[in-house]
């Protein structure tokens, strides 16, 4: 599995976390079998995941690959494997790219990641400094291994250093193109959903703003009624108990709103947010769009664009 095959990966999977789950997890969308959830516990290895896919998802062949296309050892723990993009191939035809956006900003090969960890621990370097030094040394070591020279001269080492810098820059360029291809793939695959998202959000905002304006009119009407009753129609002696009852009514309504909406604040912002979310859910349901899935895709695209800027 070379880099060209990796870039044509059809399915992109995001490592997810949940307040209800102890460990991160991924949902693999296997053809004709639906989503298969894999929990990435601390001691789970790639072999455990392979056995799980074979036994539970009826997969025949399962292989794991790193950024350079090399096969990963099945003894590697899942937590270590997802530090950089992990590529999963099922039955030779289903390709998945598993990404963990909570980890490093630079995608590295397994050998580079090993050097980065060593430099970071032994030299007290920052993550970015260790990544640059690890990549640089990885390319130099590979060139020395391929070299037939028994003695490395200064000029030869200098040429190796220049070549390593070029290879590192080329790796950054390939990663940039790869991320761009992912963004393009996601935007083209979910073009309808993404185009509808803005339209539906505008409609939900319009509805919630209309309701907030009505609520504001009620508050202003209460204030105007109190002023009119106090200074024109009656007196404060008569309006005082009425004002007290109105305040108690507002308090009861606010408490009921907080109970029914499960924690939304009884104020203009809280009311607007509640009715906005409720209207948006109805609009998504009417259009038959999975709101949670679309929000996940949007977050994924934002993370990829942010990572693209940092390369």
Protein backbone atom coordinates (compact mmCIF):
# COMPACT_ATOMS: atom_id res chain seq x y z
CA UNK A 1 0.00 0.00 0.00
CA UNK A 2 1.84 3.10 -1.27
CA UNK A 3 1.17 6.77 -0.65
CA UNK A 4 -0.89 7.04 -3.82
CA UNK A 5 -3.26 4.35 -2.60
CA UNK A 6 -3.50 6.02 0.81
CA UNK A 7 -4.53 9.34 -0.77
CA UNK A 8 -7.43 7.56 -2.46
CA UNK A 9 -8.82 6.35 0.84
CA UNK A 10 -12.60 6.48 0.49
CA UNK A 11 -13.59 6.72 4.13
CA UNK A 12 -12.30 9.14 6.75
CA UNK A 13 -12.95 8.20 10.36
CA UNK A 14 -12.49 10.53 13.33
CA UNK A 15 -11.41 9.34 16.77
CA UNK A 16 -14.22 10.40 19.10
CA UNK A 17 -14.57 10.93 22.83
CA UNK A 18 -17.64 11.10 25.02
CA UNK A 19 -18.38 12.10 28.60
CA UNK A 20 -20.11 8.74 29.02
CA UNK A 21 -17.20 6.70 27.59
CA UNK A 22 -14.03 5.96 29.55
CA UNK A 23 -11.85 5.55 26.44
CA UNK A 24 -11.82 7.12 22.95
CA UNK A 25 -13.54 5.16 20.20
CA UNK A 26 -14.02 5.01 16.44
CA UNK A 27 -17.00 3.98 14.34
CA UNK A 28 -15.96 2.06 11.23
CA UNK A 29 -18.68 2.23 8.51
CA UNK A 30 -18.36 -1.25 7.04
CA UNK A 31 -20.23 -1.88 3.81
CA UNK A 32 -23.55 -3.74 4.18
CA UNK A 33 -22.92 -4.15 7.92
CA UNK A 34 -23.36 -0.64 9.30
CA UNK A 35 -21.13 1.16 11.79
CA UNK A 36 -18.87 -1.00 13.92
CA UNK A 37 -17.71 0.74 17.10
CA UNK A 38 -14.21 -0.02 18.36
CA UNK A 39 -13.21 1.15 21.83
CA UNK A 40 -9.54 2.18 22.00
CA UNK A 41 -8.75 1.09 25.54
CA UNK A 42 -5.31 1.57 27.06
CA UNK A 43 -4.03 -2.00 26.56
CA UNK A 44 -5.79 -2.85 23.29
CA UNK A 45 -3.40 -3.70 20.45
CA UNK A 46 -3.89 -3.69 16.69
CA UNK A 47 -4.11 -7.48 16.87
CA UNK A 48 -7.08 -7.17 19.23
CA UNK A 49 -8.78 -4.80 16.78
CA UNK A 50 -8.04 -7.18 13.91
CA UNK A 51 -9.55 -10.12 15.80
CA UNK A 52 -12.56 -7.99 16.73
CA UNK A 53 -13.21 -7.03 13.10
CA UNK A 54 -12.79 -10.62 11.92
CA UNK A 55 -15.07 -12.08 14.60
CA UNK A 56 -17.70 -9.36 14.92
CA UNK A 57 -17.74 -7.71 11.49
CA UNK A 58 -17.05 -10.89 9.48
CA UNK A 59 -13.93 -9.38 7.87
CA UNK A 60 -11.58 -11.76 6.08
CA UNK A 61 -8.36 -9.74 5.90
CA UNK A 62 -7.38 -6.74 8.04
CA UNK A 63 -4.13 -4.75 7.72
CA UNK A 64 -2.88 -1.52 9.31
CA UNK A 65 -0.57 1.01 7.65
CA UNK A 66 1.30 4.15 8.66
CA UNK A 67 1.73 7.46 6.81
CA UNK A 68 4.49 5.99 4.62
CA UNK A 69 2.36 3.02 3.63
CA UNK A 70 4.38 0.52 5.69
CA UNK A 71 2.51 -2.18 7.59
CA UNK A 72 2.34 -1.64 11.33
CA UNK A 73 3.16 -4.35 13.82
CA UNK A 74 0.09 -5.98 15.30
CA UNK A 75 1.73 -5.69 18.72
CA UNK A 76 1.44 -1.88 18.57
CA UNK A 77 -1.10 -0.50 21.03
CA UNK A 78 -4.08 1.31 19.55
CA UNK A 79 -3.30 4.48 21.54
CA UNK A 80 0.19 4.63 20.02
CA UNK A 81 -1.10 3.83 16.53
CA UNK A 82 -3.60 6.72 16.42
CA UNK A 83 -1.07 9.38 17.35
CA UNK A 84 -0.58 9.76 13.60
CA UNK A 85 -3.04 8.89 10.82
CA UNK A 86 -3.76 5.17 10.93
CA UNK A 87 -4.84 3.53 7.68
CA UNK A 88 -7.02 0.45 7.88
CA UNK A 89 -7.61 -1.88 4.97
CA UNK A 90 -10.38 -4.49 5.17
CA UNK A 91 -10.64 -7.36 2.68
CA UNK A 92 -8.33 -5.54 0.29
CA UNK A 93 -11.03 -3.17 -1.00
CA UNK A 94 -12.29 -1.07 1.93
CA UNK A 95 -9.85 1.67 2.94
CA UNK A 96 -10.26 3.83 6.05
CA UNK A 97 -8.17 6.72 7.34
CA UNK A 98 -8.43 7.06 11.13
CA UNK A 99 -7.51 10.49 12.46
CA UNK A 100 -7.07 11.78 15.98
CA UNK A 101 -7.27 15.57 15.96
CA UNK A 102 -6.43 15.83 19.65
CA UNK A 103 -2.80 14.81 19.18
CA UNK A 104 0.14 16.14 17.17
CA UNK A 105 -0.11 18.82 14.50
CA UNK A 106 2.37 17.04 12.19
CA UNK A 107 1.74 13.64 10.61
CA UNK A 108 4.82 11.38 10.89
CA UNK A 109 5.82 7.88 9.88
CA UNK A 110 6.27 5.24 12.63
CA UNK A 111 10.09 5.45 12.47
CA UNK A 112 10.01 9.26 12.65
CA UNK A 113 7.62 9.20 15.60
CA UNK A 114 10.00 6.89 17.48
CA UNK A 115 12.90 9.32 16.99
CA UNK A 116 10.70 12.27 17.97
CA UNK A 117 9.79 10.60 21.26
CA UNK A 118 13.46 9.85 21.97
CA UNK A 119 14.60 13.42 21.28
CA UNK A 120 11.78 14.90 23.32
CA UNK A 121 12.58 12.79 26.37
CA UNK A 122 16.36 12.98 26.27
CA UNK A 123 16.90 16.61 25.19
CA UNK A 124 13.94 18.42 26.78
CA UNK A 125 12.84 19.78 23.41
CA UNK A 126 9.45 21.18 22.52
CA UNK A 127 7.12 19.04 20.42
CA UNK A 128 7.74 21.10 17.28
CA UNK A 129 11.53 21.08 17.72
CA UNK A 130 11.55 17.32 18.36
CA UNK A 131 9.45 16.69 15.23
CA UNK A 132 11.80 18.67 12.97
CA UNK A 133 14.90 17.02 14.45
CA UNK A 134 13.31 13.55 14.35
CA UNK A 135 12.32 13.83 10.69
CA UNK A 136 15.73 15.23 9.74
CA UNK A 137 17.63 12.43 11.51
CA UNK A 138 15.29 9.77 10.14
CA UNK A 139 16.09 10.76 6.56
CA UNK A 140 19.83 10.94 7.29
CA UNK A 141 19.84 7.47 8.91
CA UNK A 142 17.98 5.98 5.96
CA UNK A 143 20.44 7.50 3.48
CA UNK A 144 23.41 6.22 5.51
CA UNK A 145 21.88 2.72 5.56
CA UNK A 146 21.54 2.81 1.77
CA UNK A 147 25.02 4.22 1.29
CA UNK A 148 27.90 1.89 0.40
CA UNK A 149 30.45 4.25 1.92
CA UNK A 150 32.29 2.82 4.92
CA UNK A 151 33.50 6.24 6.06
CA UNK A 152 31.23 9.25 5.99
CA UNK A 153 33.19 12.35 4.99
CA UNK A 154 32.22 15.90 5.91
CA UNK A 155 31.25 16.78 2.34
CA UNK A 156 29.17 13.63 2.00
CA UNK A 157 27.41 14.29 5.30
CA UNK A 158 26.74 17.86 4.20
CA UNK A 159 25.14 16.60 1.00
CA UNK A 160 23.08 14.14 3.04
CA UNK A 161 21.91 16.99 5.26
CA UNK A 162 20.78 19.03 2.27
CA UNK A 163 19.03 16.01 0.80
CA UNK A 164 17.30 15.34 4.12
CA UNK A 165 16.05 18.92 4.28
CA UNK A 166 14.60 18.57 0.79
CA UNK A 167 12.97 15.26 1.72
CA UNK A 168 11.45 16.81 4.83
CA UNK A 169 10.06 19.72 2.82
CA UNK A 170 8.70 17.25 0.28
CA UNK A 171 7.04 15.32 3.10
CA UNK A 172 5.39 18.53 4.31
CA UNK A 173 4.21 19.23 0.75
CA UNK A 174 2.74 15.73 0.42
CA UNK A 175 0.96 16.06 3.76
CA UNK A 176 -0.43 19.42 2.70
CA UNK A 177 -1.74 17.96 -0.56
CA UNK A 178 -3.14 14.98 1.31
CA UNK A 179 -5.08 17.15 3.77
CA UNK A 180 -6.34 19.28 0.88
CA UNK A 181 -7.61 16.12 -0.83
CA UNK A 182 -9.43 15.14 2.39
CA UNK A 183 -11.09 18.56 2.65
CA UNK A 184 -12.09 18.42 -1.02
CA UNK A 185 -13.45 14.90 -0.60
CA UNK A 186 -15.55 15.84 2.43
CA UNK A 187 -16.88 19.04 0.86
CA UNK A 188 -17.82 17.26 -2.37
CA UNK A 189 -19.33 14.23 -0.61
CA UNK A 190 -21.43 16.35 1.77
CA UNK A 191 -22.00 19.29 -0.60
CA UNK A 192 -25.80 19.16 -0.28
CA UNK A 193 -25.75 18.89 3.52
CA UNK A 194 -23.17 21.70 3.86
CA UNK A 195 -25.14 23.98 1.53
CA UNK A 196 -28.35 23.32 3.47
CA UNK A 197 -26.63 23.90 6.81
CA UNK A 198 -26.27 27.66 6.26
CA UNK A 199 -29.84 27.98 4.94
CA UNK A 200 -31.34 26.06 7.86
CA UNK A 201 -29.32 27.99 10.42
CA UNK A 202 -30.55 31.28 8.92
CA UNK A 203 -34.17 30.09 9.17
CA UNK A 204 -33.66 28.95 12.77
CA UNK A 205 -32.08 32.32 13.65
CA UNK A 206 -35.01 34.18 12.08
CA UNK A 207 -37.53 32.12 14.05
CA UNK A 208 -35.70 32.49 17.38
CA UNK A 209 -35.22 36.24 16.87
CA UNK A 210 -38.94 36.63 16.15
CA UNK A 211 -39.83 34.83 19.39
CA UNK A 212 -37.33 36.89 21.38
CA UNK A 213 -38.85 40.09 19.99
CA UNK A 214 -42.28 38.90 21.11
CA UNK A 215 -40.91 38.15 24.56
CA UNK A 216 -39.38 41.64 24.69
CA UNK A 217 -42.74 43.16 23.77
CA UNK A 218 -44.34 41.31 26.71
CA UNK A 219 -41.73 42.70 29.12
CA UNK A 220 -42.20 46.22 27.79
CA UNK A 221 -45.98 45.83 28.05
CA UNK A 222 -45.67 44.81 31.70
CA UNK A 223 -43.48 47.83 32.43
CA UNK A 224 -45.83 50.18 30.58
CA UNK A 225 -48.88 48.73 32.40
CA UNK A 226 -47.24 49.26 35.80
CA UNK A 227 -46.32 52.86 34.95
CA UNK A 228 -49.79 53.60 33.55
CA UNK A 229 -51.57 52.08 36.57
CA UNK A 230 -49.31 53.82 39.09
CA UNK A 231 -49.17 57.37 37.68
CA UNK A 232 -52.36 57.68 35.62
CA UNK A 233 -55.16 55.20 36.28
CA UNK A 234 -54.71 54.16 39.93
CA UNK A 235 -52.02 54.71 42.57
CA UNK A 236 -49.02 52.81 43.94
CA UNK A 237 -51.14 51.48 46.84
CA UNK A 238 -53.28 49.59 44.35
CA UNK A 239 -50.49 48.68 41.90
CA UNK A 240 -48.03 47.40 44.55
CA UNK A 241 -49.76 44.00 45.09
CA UNK A 242 -50.38 43.71 41.34
CA UNK A 243 -46.67 44.33 40.67
CA UNK A 244 -45.78 41.75 43.32
CA UNK A 245 -48.07 39.16 41.67
CA UNK A 246 -46.57 39.93 38.24
CA UNK A 247 -43.06 39.44 39.65
CA UNK A 248 -44.04 36.15 41.27
CA UNK A 249 -45.61 35.05 37.98
CA UNK A 250 -42.41 35.86 36.09
CA UNK A 251 -40.43 33.90 38.68
CA UNK A 252 -42.69 30.84 38.30
CA UNK A 253 -42.51 31.05 34.51
CA UNK A 254 -38.71 31.35 34.64
CA UNK A 255 -38.38 28.35 36.95
CA UNK A 256 -40.74 26.30 34.75
CA UNK A 257 -38.72 27.29 31.67
CA UNK A 258 -35.48 26.22 33.37
CA UNK A 259 -37.01 22.87 34.37
CA UNK A 260 -38.58 22.10 30.98
CA UNK A 261 -35.54 23.16 28.92
CA UNK A 262 -33.08 21.35 31.21
CA UNK A 263 -30.88 24.19 32.31
CA UNK A 264 -31.37 27.00 29.79
CA UNK A 265 -31.19 30.39 31.48
CA UNK A 266 -34.42 32.35 31.63
CA UNK A 267 -33.28 35.43 29.75
CA UNK A 268 -33.18 36.78 26.22
CA UNK A 269 -30.05 34.80 25.33
CA UNK A 270 -31.26 31.58 26.95
CA UNK A 271 -34.70 31.79 25.33
CA UNK A 272 -33.19 32.58 21.92
CA UNK A 273 -30.73 29.68 22.18
CA UNK A 274 -33.44 27.21 23.21
CA UNK A 275 -35.85 28.08 20.40
CA UNK A 276 -32.98 28.28 17.89
CA UNK A 277 -31.81 24.74 18.71
CA UNK A 278 -35.37 23.38 18.72
CA UNK A 279 -36.21 24.94 15.35
CA UNK A 280 -32.90 23.79 13.86
CA UNK A 281 -33.56 20.18 14.94
CA UNK A 282 -37.00 20.31 13.29
CA UNK A 283 -35.56 21.72 10.06
CA UNK A 284 -32.85 19.06 9.90
CA UNK A 285 -35.43 16.37 10.53
CA UNK A 286 -37.68 17.78 7.81
CA UNK A 287 -34.79 17.73 5.32
CA UNK A 288 -33.79 14.23 6.51
CA UNK A 289 -30.27 15.36 7.40
CA UNK A 290 -28.43 13.80 10.33
CA UNK A 291 -27.57 16.88 12.41
CA UNK A 292 -25.01 15.17 14.66
CA UNK A 293 -23.23 13.60 11.70
CA UNK A 294 -23.11 16.92 9.85
CA UNK A 295 -21.76 18.75 12.90
CA UNK A 296 -19.08 16.09 13.20
CA UNK A 297 -18.13 16.55 9.53
CA UNK A 298 -17.98 20.34 9.94
CA UNK A 299 -15.75 19.97 12.98
CA UNK A 300 -13.54 17.58 11.04
CA UNK A 301 -13.20 20.06 8.15
CA UNK A 302 -12.38 22.91 10.55
CA UNK A 303 -9.71 20.80 12.25
CA UNK A 304 -8.18 19.85 8.90
CA UNK A 305 -8.16 23.49 7.71
CA UNK A 306 -6.54 24.55 10.98
CA UNK A 307 -3.92 21.82 10.63
CA UNK A 308 -3.34 22.85 7.01
CA UNK A 309 -2.47 26.39 8.13
CA UNK A 310 0.06 25.06 10.66
CA UNK A 311 2.04 22.96 8.18
